[in-house]
Structure formats: C-alpha cells, structure tokens
Amino acid sequence: MTDTAAKATELFRLHRDPALLTVVNVWDVISATVVADVPGTAALATASHSIAASHGYEDGENIPLDEMIDAIGRIAAATDLPVTADLEGGYGDAAEATRRAVGVGIAGANLEDQMKPLEQAVDQVAQVMRAAEAAGVPDFVLNARTDAFVKAGDRPRADVLADAVERCRAFLAAGAPVVFVPGVLSEDEVTTLVDACGPQRLTLIGIPGNLPLARLEELGVARVSYGPLSQRVALTALAELVEAVHAGGGVPEGTRPLN
C-alpha cells in the first residue's frame, strides 16, 4: 500500500494547506480523466449518487458494495492523483468497506452519520480509522459527514447548528482528519463550525446559495466538493445537445476532444 499511503499523505497535506481544496466529483473513468487533466486539479473525489445512477441504481446504498468498489477502483487506477471515495453510510460495515476501498487505491473517504445515535456514529469513525491504519494507510483522509442540516426538517436552526458542532467535534476526537457538513450555510454558521473544529478541518459542498469559494478560503474551510452536481451539469449539457439536434442544430462550437 506504499503508493496509496503516499497519496493519502498528499491528500492530507492538501486539506491542511490554507489554500482551499476544490474537488469536482467524478463517477467513472472518463469523467475522472477529464477532471484530472484540467490544470489546477490536485485530487479527485467520487460521488456515490452519480456512480449509482450510472449503474442504474437509486442513491442510498442500493448499489451493491462490490459494484461500488469496482467503480472507485477503476477511477483510482486511471489517475496518479489521490482519490477520495464516497462510501455513503458504510454499507453495513464501514471498516470493511474502508479496507476494501484502500485495497483498490483509495486515499480517503466520505462517511455519512445519517444521524445515527452519536455514540454509534463516533464508534464508526474510530473503526474506519483503525481499519485504514491496519491496511497501511495511517493518513487516510476520512471526511466524516454529519447530516444534521440535511435531515434538519423544521427544527430551529440554532439547534441544528449545535448538533452539527457536537458531532463534528466528536468525529474529530475519534480520529477523523476532517468533517463534512453539507447544506446551505450562512456565513455565521460556517464561522461557528470553523471556530468549533479549527481551521482546515471543515469541508462543505458547493451548491447554489453557499458562500463564494474565496470567502470560504478566508474563513478557514479546508475543502469544497460538488457531489452529484457535476454529473447534473454534464447531463444538462447532453440534454441541451439533444434539444439542439431536434431543433436542427448540432454539436456546439468549442466542444473539446476526448484524449
């Protein structure tokens, strides 16, 4: 696992750098190749929703783990960059899913808490970090995700933020290098989370309504990823091509060749 361990160490360094790490999520070898070839790309992240969709499954761990591991392994093998994979909620055994992911060259992972009881979610984080270390990758970049805002419903915003802070701190204490809080967050909420977790410990998702990247970097956010939105952008372009063809047009000028 020497190469994977080295990639994990580099991925860890990229998160600790004060410069904001941006990762546009990929879902197969060709999307990974396209993203990796764009100057400035330092790491890749897979999107479980996008991989599941490309295999004909609904999101939410409906794709069999064997198929997910095969997909992320193909992506890791297609690039020299470090790859972090979305392992959803762990597929029933987060430590085993991590061990298998490391085995196909994955240097980090997202892991959802799905708002499980805090003790259970913390134990899962600790198990993942132990599994990665046992597999020879001590710098495995676990991005421990809390769904506090995703599953907030109509709860008071202050209570949701308090839950997110508690969970993020607990995940960091259990060994996770970084924590992930998806959702549309205000500047005050981002500031509170960075203050609670420390600079370069918080990762966010780049969705409409969130702060500009430059401001997130100033606030000390470690990373911004894009989840299934990158695939949606690609599929929107595909749909627009079909509409243009139906209207008598064709391939847009400036379309880039594939390598």
Protein backbone atom coordinates (compact mmCIF):
# COMPACT_ATOMS: atom_id res chain seq x y z
CA MET A 1 0.00 0.00 0.00
CA THR A 2 3.03 2.31 -0.25
CA ASP A 3 1.64 4.24 -3.24
CA THR A 4 -1.81 4.59 -1.67
CA ALA A 5 -0.25 5.63 1.63
CA ALA A 6 1.79 8.31 -0.14
CA LYS A 7 -1.31 9.58 -1.94
CA ALA A 8 -3.18 9.72 1.37
CA THR A 9 -0.37 11.75 2.91
CA GLU A 10 -0.56 14.17 -0.02
CA LEU A 11 -4.35 14.36 0.27
CA PHE A 12 -3.98 15.08 3.98
CA ARG A 13 -1.49 17.86 3.18
CA LEU A 14 -3.87 19.40 0.65
CA HIS A 15 -6.56 19.63 3.32
CA ARG A 16 -4.17 21.25 5.80
CA ASP A 17 -2.95 23.84 3.30
CA PRO A 18 -4.60 27.23 3.90
CA ALA A 19 -5.44 27.31 0.18
CA LEU A 20 -8.96 25.93 -0.32
CA LEU A 21 -9.00 22.47 -1.90
CA THR A 22 -11.72 22.11 -4.53
CA VAL A 23 -12.73 18.70 -5.86
CA VAL A 24 -15.23 18.38 -8.71
CA ASN A 25 -16.73 14.94 -8.19
CA VAL A 26 -16.41 12.17 -10.77
CA TRP A 27 -18.29 8.94 -11.40
CA ASP A 28 -16.36 6.86 -13.94
CA VAL A 29 -13.00 6.65 -15.69
CA ILE A 30 -13.76 9.15 -18.45
CA SER A 31 -15.12 11.79 -16.06
CA ALA A 32 -12.10 11.21 -13.81
CA THR A 33 -9.73 11.59 -16.74
CA VAL A 34 -11.37 14.81 -17.91
CA VAL A 35 -11.28 16.38 -14.45
CA ALA A 36 -7.74 15.20 -13.70
CA ASP A 37 -6.45 16.68 -16.96
CA VAL A 38 -7.69 20.19 -16.14
CA PRO A 39 -4.76 22.29 -14.85
CA GLY A 40 -5.09 23.00 -11.14
CA THR A 41 -6.78 19.72 -10.24
CA ALA A 42 -4.92 18.32 -7.23
CA ALA A 43 -7.20 15.46 -6.16
CA LEU A 44 -10.33 13.62 -7.21
CA ALA A 45 -13.48 12.73 -5.30
CA THR A 46 -16.14 10.25 -6.34
CA ALA A 47 -19.86 10.84 -5.90
CA SER A 48 -21.83 7.82 -4.73
CA HIS A 49 -25.09 9.22 -6.09
CA SER A 50 -23.54 9.66 -9.53
CA ILE A 51 -21.90 6.22 -9.58
CA ALA A 52 -25.15 4.58 -8.51
CA ALA A 53 -27.09 6.46 -11.18
CA SER A 54 -24.62 5.46 -13.89
CA HIS A 55 -25.13 1.82 -12.87
CA GLY A 56 -28.92 2.10 -12.79
CA TYR A 57 -29.44 2.27 -9.01
CA GLU A 58 -31.17 4.77 -6.76
CA ASP A 59 -28.96 6.61 -4.30
CA GLY A 60 -28.74 5.39 -0.72
CA GLU A 61 -26.56 2.26 -0.71
CA ASN A 62 -28.75 0.50 -3.26
CA ILE A 63 -25.75 -0.26 -5.46
CA PRO A 64 -24.02 -3.43 -4.23
CA LEU A 65 -20.74 -2.77 -2.47
CA ASP A 66 -18.90 -4.99 -4.96
CA GLU A 67 -20.00 -2.74 -7.82
CA MET A 68 -19.11 0.41 -5.91
CA ILE A 69 -15.64 -0.89 -5.05
CA ASP A 70 -15.08 -1.89 -8.66
CA ALA A 71 -16.13 1.58 -9.86
CA ILE A 72 -13.93 3.53 -7.44
CA GLY A 73 -11.03 1.17 -8.05
CA ARG A 74 -11.21 1.81 -11.79
CA ILE A 75 -11.17 5.56 -11.11
CA ALA A 76 -8.18 5.28 -8.77
CA ALA A 77 -6.29 3.21 -11.33
CA ALA A 78 -6.91 5.80 -14.05
CA THR A 79 -5.05 8.67 -12.36
CA ASP A 80 -1.89 9.46 -10.45
CA LEU A 81 -3.81 11.90 -8.26
CA PRO A 82 -5.11 10.96 -4.82
CA VAL A 83 -8.73 9.82 -4.90
CA THR A 84 -11.23 10.07 -2.06
CA ALA A 85 -14.38 7.98 -2.39
CA ASP A 86 -17.91 8.46 -1.14
CA LEU A 87 -18.73 5.36 0.90
CA GLU A 88 -22.18 6.64 1.94
CA GLY A 89 -23.05 5.22 5.38
CA GLY A 90 -20.55 2.37 5.20
CA TYR A 91 -22.70 -0.33 3.52
CA GLY A 92 -23.42 -2.05 6.82
CA ASP A 93 -19.75 -2.41 7.78
CA ALA A 94 -17.80 0.83 7.37
CA ALA A 95 -14.49 -0.69 8.47
CA GLU A 96 -14.74 -3.47 5.88
CA ALA A 97 -15.81 -1.03 3.17
CA THR A 98 -12.79 1.11 4.04
CA ARG A 99 -10.44 -1.86 3.96
CA ARG A 100 -11.70 -2.79 0.51
CA ALA A 101 -11.51 0.80 -0.72
CA VAL A 102 -7.90 1.11 0.43
CA GLY A 103 -7.20 -2.16 -1.33
CA VAL A 104 -8.15 -0.63 -4.69
CA GLY A 105 -6.10 2.51 -4.16
CA ILE A 106 -8.46 4.91 -2.37
CA ALA A 107 -6.72 7.50 -0.18
CA GLY A 108 -9.71 8.95 1.67
CA ALA A 109 -13.46 8.62 2.05
CA ASN A 110 -16.69 10.34 2.94
CA LEU A 111 -18.75 8.58 5.59
CA GLU A 112 -22.27 9.70 6.50
CA ASP A 113 -23.51 9.62 10.08
CA GLN A 114 -27.13 9.52 8.81
CA MET A 115 -27.94 10.99 12.23
CA LYS A 116 -27.40 7.67 13.94
CA PRO A 117 -27.03 7.87 17.74
CA LEU A 118 -23.88 9.85 18.41
CA GLU A 119 -22.05 7.05 20.21
CA GLN A 120 -22.68 4.70 17.29
CA ALA A 121 -21.56 7.29 14.73
CA VAL A 122 -18.39 8.07 16.69
CA ASP A 123 -17.55 4.38 17.01
CA GLN A 124 -17.93 4.00 13.25
CA VAL A 125 -15.42 6.80 12.67
CA ALA A 126 -12.93 5.18 15.04
CA GLN A 127 -13.37 1.79 13.36
CA VAL A 128 -12.70 3.29 9.92
CA MET A 129 -9.50 4.98 11.04
CA ARG A 130 -8.28 1.77 12.69
CA ALA A 131 -9.08 -0.21 9.54
CA ALA A 132 -7.18 2.24 7.34
CA GLU A 133 -4.15 2.19 9.62
CA ALA A 134 -4.20 -1.61 9.72
CA ALA A 135 -4.27 -1.57 5.91
CA GLY A 136 -1.09 0.51 5.86
CA VAL A 137 -2.62 3.96 5.28
CA PRO A 138 -2.37 5.88 8.58
CA ASP A 139 -3.01 9.25 6.88
CA PHE A 140 -6.31 8.06 5.38
CA VAL A 141 -8.40 11.20 4.94
CA LEU A 142 -11.74 10.30 6.43
CA ASN A 143 -14.19 13.13 5.77
CA ALA A 144 -16.71 12.36 8.50
CA ARG A 145 -20.06 13.72 7.40
CA THR A 146 -22.89 14.80 9.61
CA ASP A 147 -26.38 15.03 8.14
CA ALA A 148 -27.52 17.49 10.79
CA PHE A 149 -28.56 20.10 8.24
CA VAL A 150 -29.59 17.62 5.53
CA LYS A 151 -32.07 15.99 7.91
CA ALA A 152 -32.98 19.15 9.86
CA GLY A 153 -36.60 19.33 8.78
CA ASP A 154 -38.31 22.25 10.51
CA ARG A 155 -36.14 22.18 13.65
CA PRO A 156 -34.82 25.54 14.91
CA ARG A 157 -31.68 26.46 13.02
CA ALA A 158 -29.71 27.10 16.22
CA ASP A 159 -30.46 23.59 17.48
CA VAL A 160 -29.35 22.06 14.18
CA LEU A 161 -26.10 24.03 14.27
CA ALA A 162 -25.49 22.90 17.86
CA ASP A 163 -25.96 19.27 16.79
CA ALA A 164 -23.54 19.75 13.90
CA VAL A 165 -20.92 21.27 16.18
CA GLU A 166 -21.25 18.45 18.72
CA ARG A 167 -20.98 15.76 16.07
CA CYS A 168 -18.08 17.39 14.23
CA ARG A 169 -16.08 17.73 17.43
CA ALA A 170 -16.80 14.14 18.38
CA PHE A 171 -15.74 12.84 14.97
CA LEU A 172 -12.50 14.80 15.09
CA ALA A 173 -11.81 13.50 18.59
CA ALA A 174 -12.37 9.95 17.28
CA GLY A 175 -9.61 10.45 14.70
CA ALA A 176 -11.26 11.87 11.58
CA PRO A 177 -8.91 14.41 9.96
CA VAL A 178 -11.79 16.49 8.55
CA VAL A 179 -15.55 16.75 8.88
CA PHE A 180 -18.21 17.41 6.25
CA VAL A 181 -21.36 19.46 6.83
CA PRO A 182 -23.45 19.51 3.64
CA GLY A 183 -26.24 22.04 3.28
CA VAL A 184 -26.78 25.71 2.50
CA LEU A 185 -25.00 27.50 5.35
CA SER A 186 -24.82 31.16 6.29
CA GLU A 187 -21.51 32.89 6.90
CA ASP A 188 -22.22 32.94 10.63
CA GLU A 189 -22.86 29.17 10.60
CA VAL A 190 -19.66 28.48 8.68
CA THR A 191 -17.72 30.69 11.09
CA THR A 192 -19.20 28.87 14.08
CA LEU A 193 -18.24 25.50 12.63
CA VAL A 194 -14.69 26.58 11.78
CA ASP A 195 -14.27 28.06 15.25
CA ALA A 196 -15.52 24.79 16.79
CA CYS A 197 -13.43 22.49 14.61
CA GLY A 198 -10.38 24.58 13.87
CA PRO A 199 -9.15 25.94 10.53
CA GLN A 200 -8.69 23.50 7.66
CA ARG A 201 -10.90 20.89 9.35
CA LEU A 202 -14.29 21.66 7.79
CA THR A 203 -15.42 20.64 4.31
CA LEU A 204 -18.53 21.90 2.55
CA ILE A 205 -20.49 21.31 -0.65
CA GLY A 206 -20.55 23.82 -3.48
CA ILE A 207 -24.28 24.23 -4.04
CA PRO A 208 -26.23 27.32 -5.11
CA GLY A 209 -26.72 29.62 -2.14
CA ASN A 210 -23.44 28.89 -0.40
CA LEU A 211 -20.67 31.43 0.04
CA PRO A 212 -18.15 32.17 -2.74
CA LEU A 213 -15.04 29.99 -2.71
CA ALA A 214 -12.76 32.95 -1.96
CA ARG A 215 -14.74 33.77 1.17
CA LEU A 216 -14.77 30.15 2.34
CA GLU A 217 -10.99 30.10 1.99
CA GLU A 218 -10.74 33.27 4.08
CA LEU A 219 -12.90 31.69 6.77
CA GLY A 220 -10.60 28.64 7.02
CA VAL A 221 -12.65 25.99 5.23
CA ALA A 222 -10.48 23.07 4.08
CA ARG A 223 -12.33 21.79 1.03
CA VAL A 224 -15.35 22.21 -1.19
CA SER A 225 -16.77 19.33 -3.23
CA TYR A 226 -19.71 19.18 -5.61
CA GLY A 227 -21.37 15.80 -5.05
CA PRO A 228 -23.80 14.80 -7.81
CA LEU A 229 -23.96 18.34 -9.20
CA SER A 230 -21.05 17.75 -11.59
CA GLN A 231 -22.92 14.86 -13.19
CA ARG A 232 -26.05 17.00 -13.38
CA VAL A 233 -24.08 19.68 -15.21
CA ALA A 234 -22.77 17.08 -17.68
CA LEU A 235 -26.24 15.60 -18.23
CA THR A 236 -27.71 19.07 -18.68
CA ALA A 237 -25.21 19.68 -21.49
CA LEU A 238 -26.22 16.33 -23.02
CA ALA A 239 -29.92 17.21 -22.85
CA GLU A 240 -29.21 20.59 -24.41
CA LEU A 241 -27.37 18.88 -27.29
CA VAL A 242 -30.40 16.68 -27.89
CA GLU A 243 -32.67 19.75 -27.86
CA ALA A 244 -30.36 21.50 -30.33
CA VAL A 245 -30.34 18.46 -32.63
CA HIS A 246 -34.12 18.23 -32.52
CA ALA A 247 -34.25 21.91 -33.46
CA GLY A 248 -31.99 21.35 -36.46
CA GLY A 249 -28.69 22.25 -34.84
CA GLY A 250 -25.73 20.16 -33.77
CA VAL A 251 -22.66 19.91 -31.62
CA PRO A 252 -21.76 23.27 -30.02
CA GLU A 253 -18.64 25.05 -31.23
CA GLY A 254 -15.81 24.75 -28.76
CA THR A 255 -16.65 21.17 -27.80
CA ARG A 256 -13.41 19.63 -26.58
CA PRO A 257 -12.00 16.39 -27.98
CA LEU A 258 -11.51 13.45 -25.64
CA ASN A 259 -7.95 12.25 -25.12
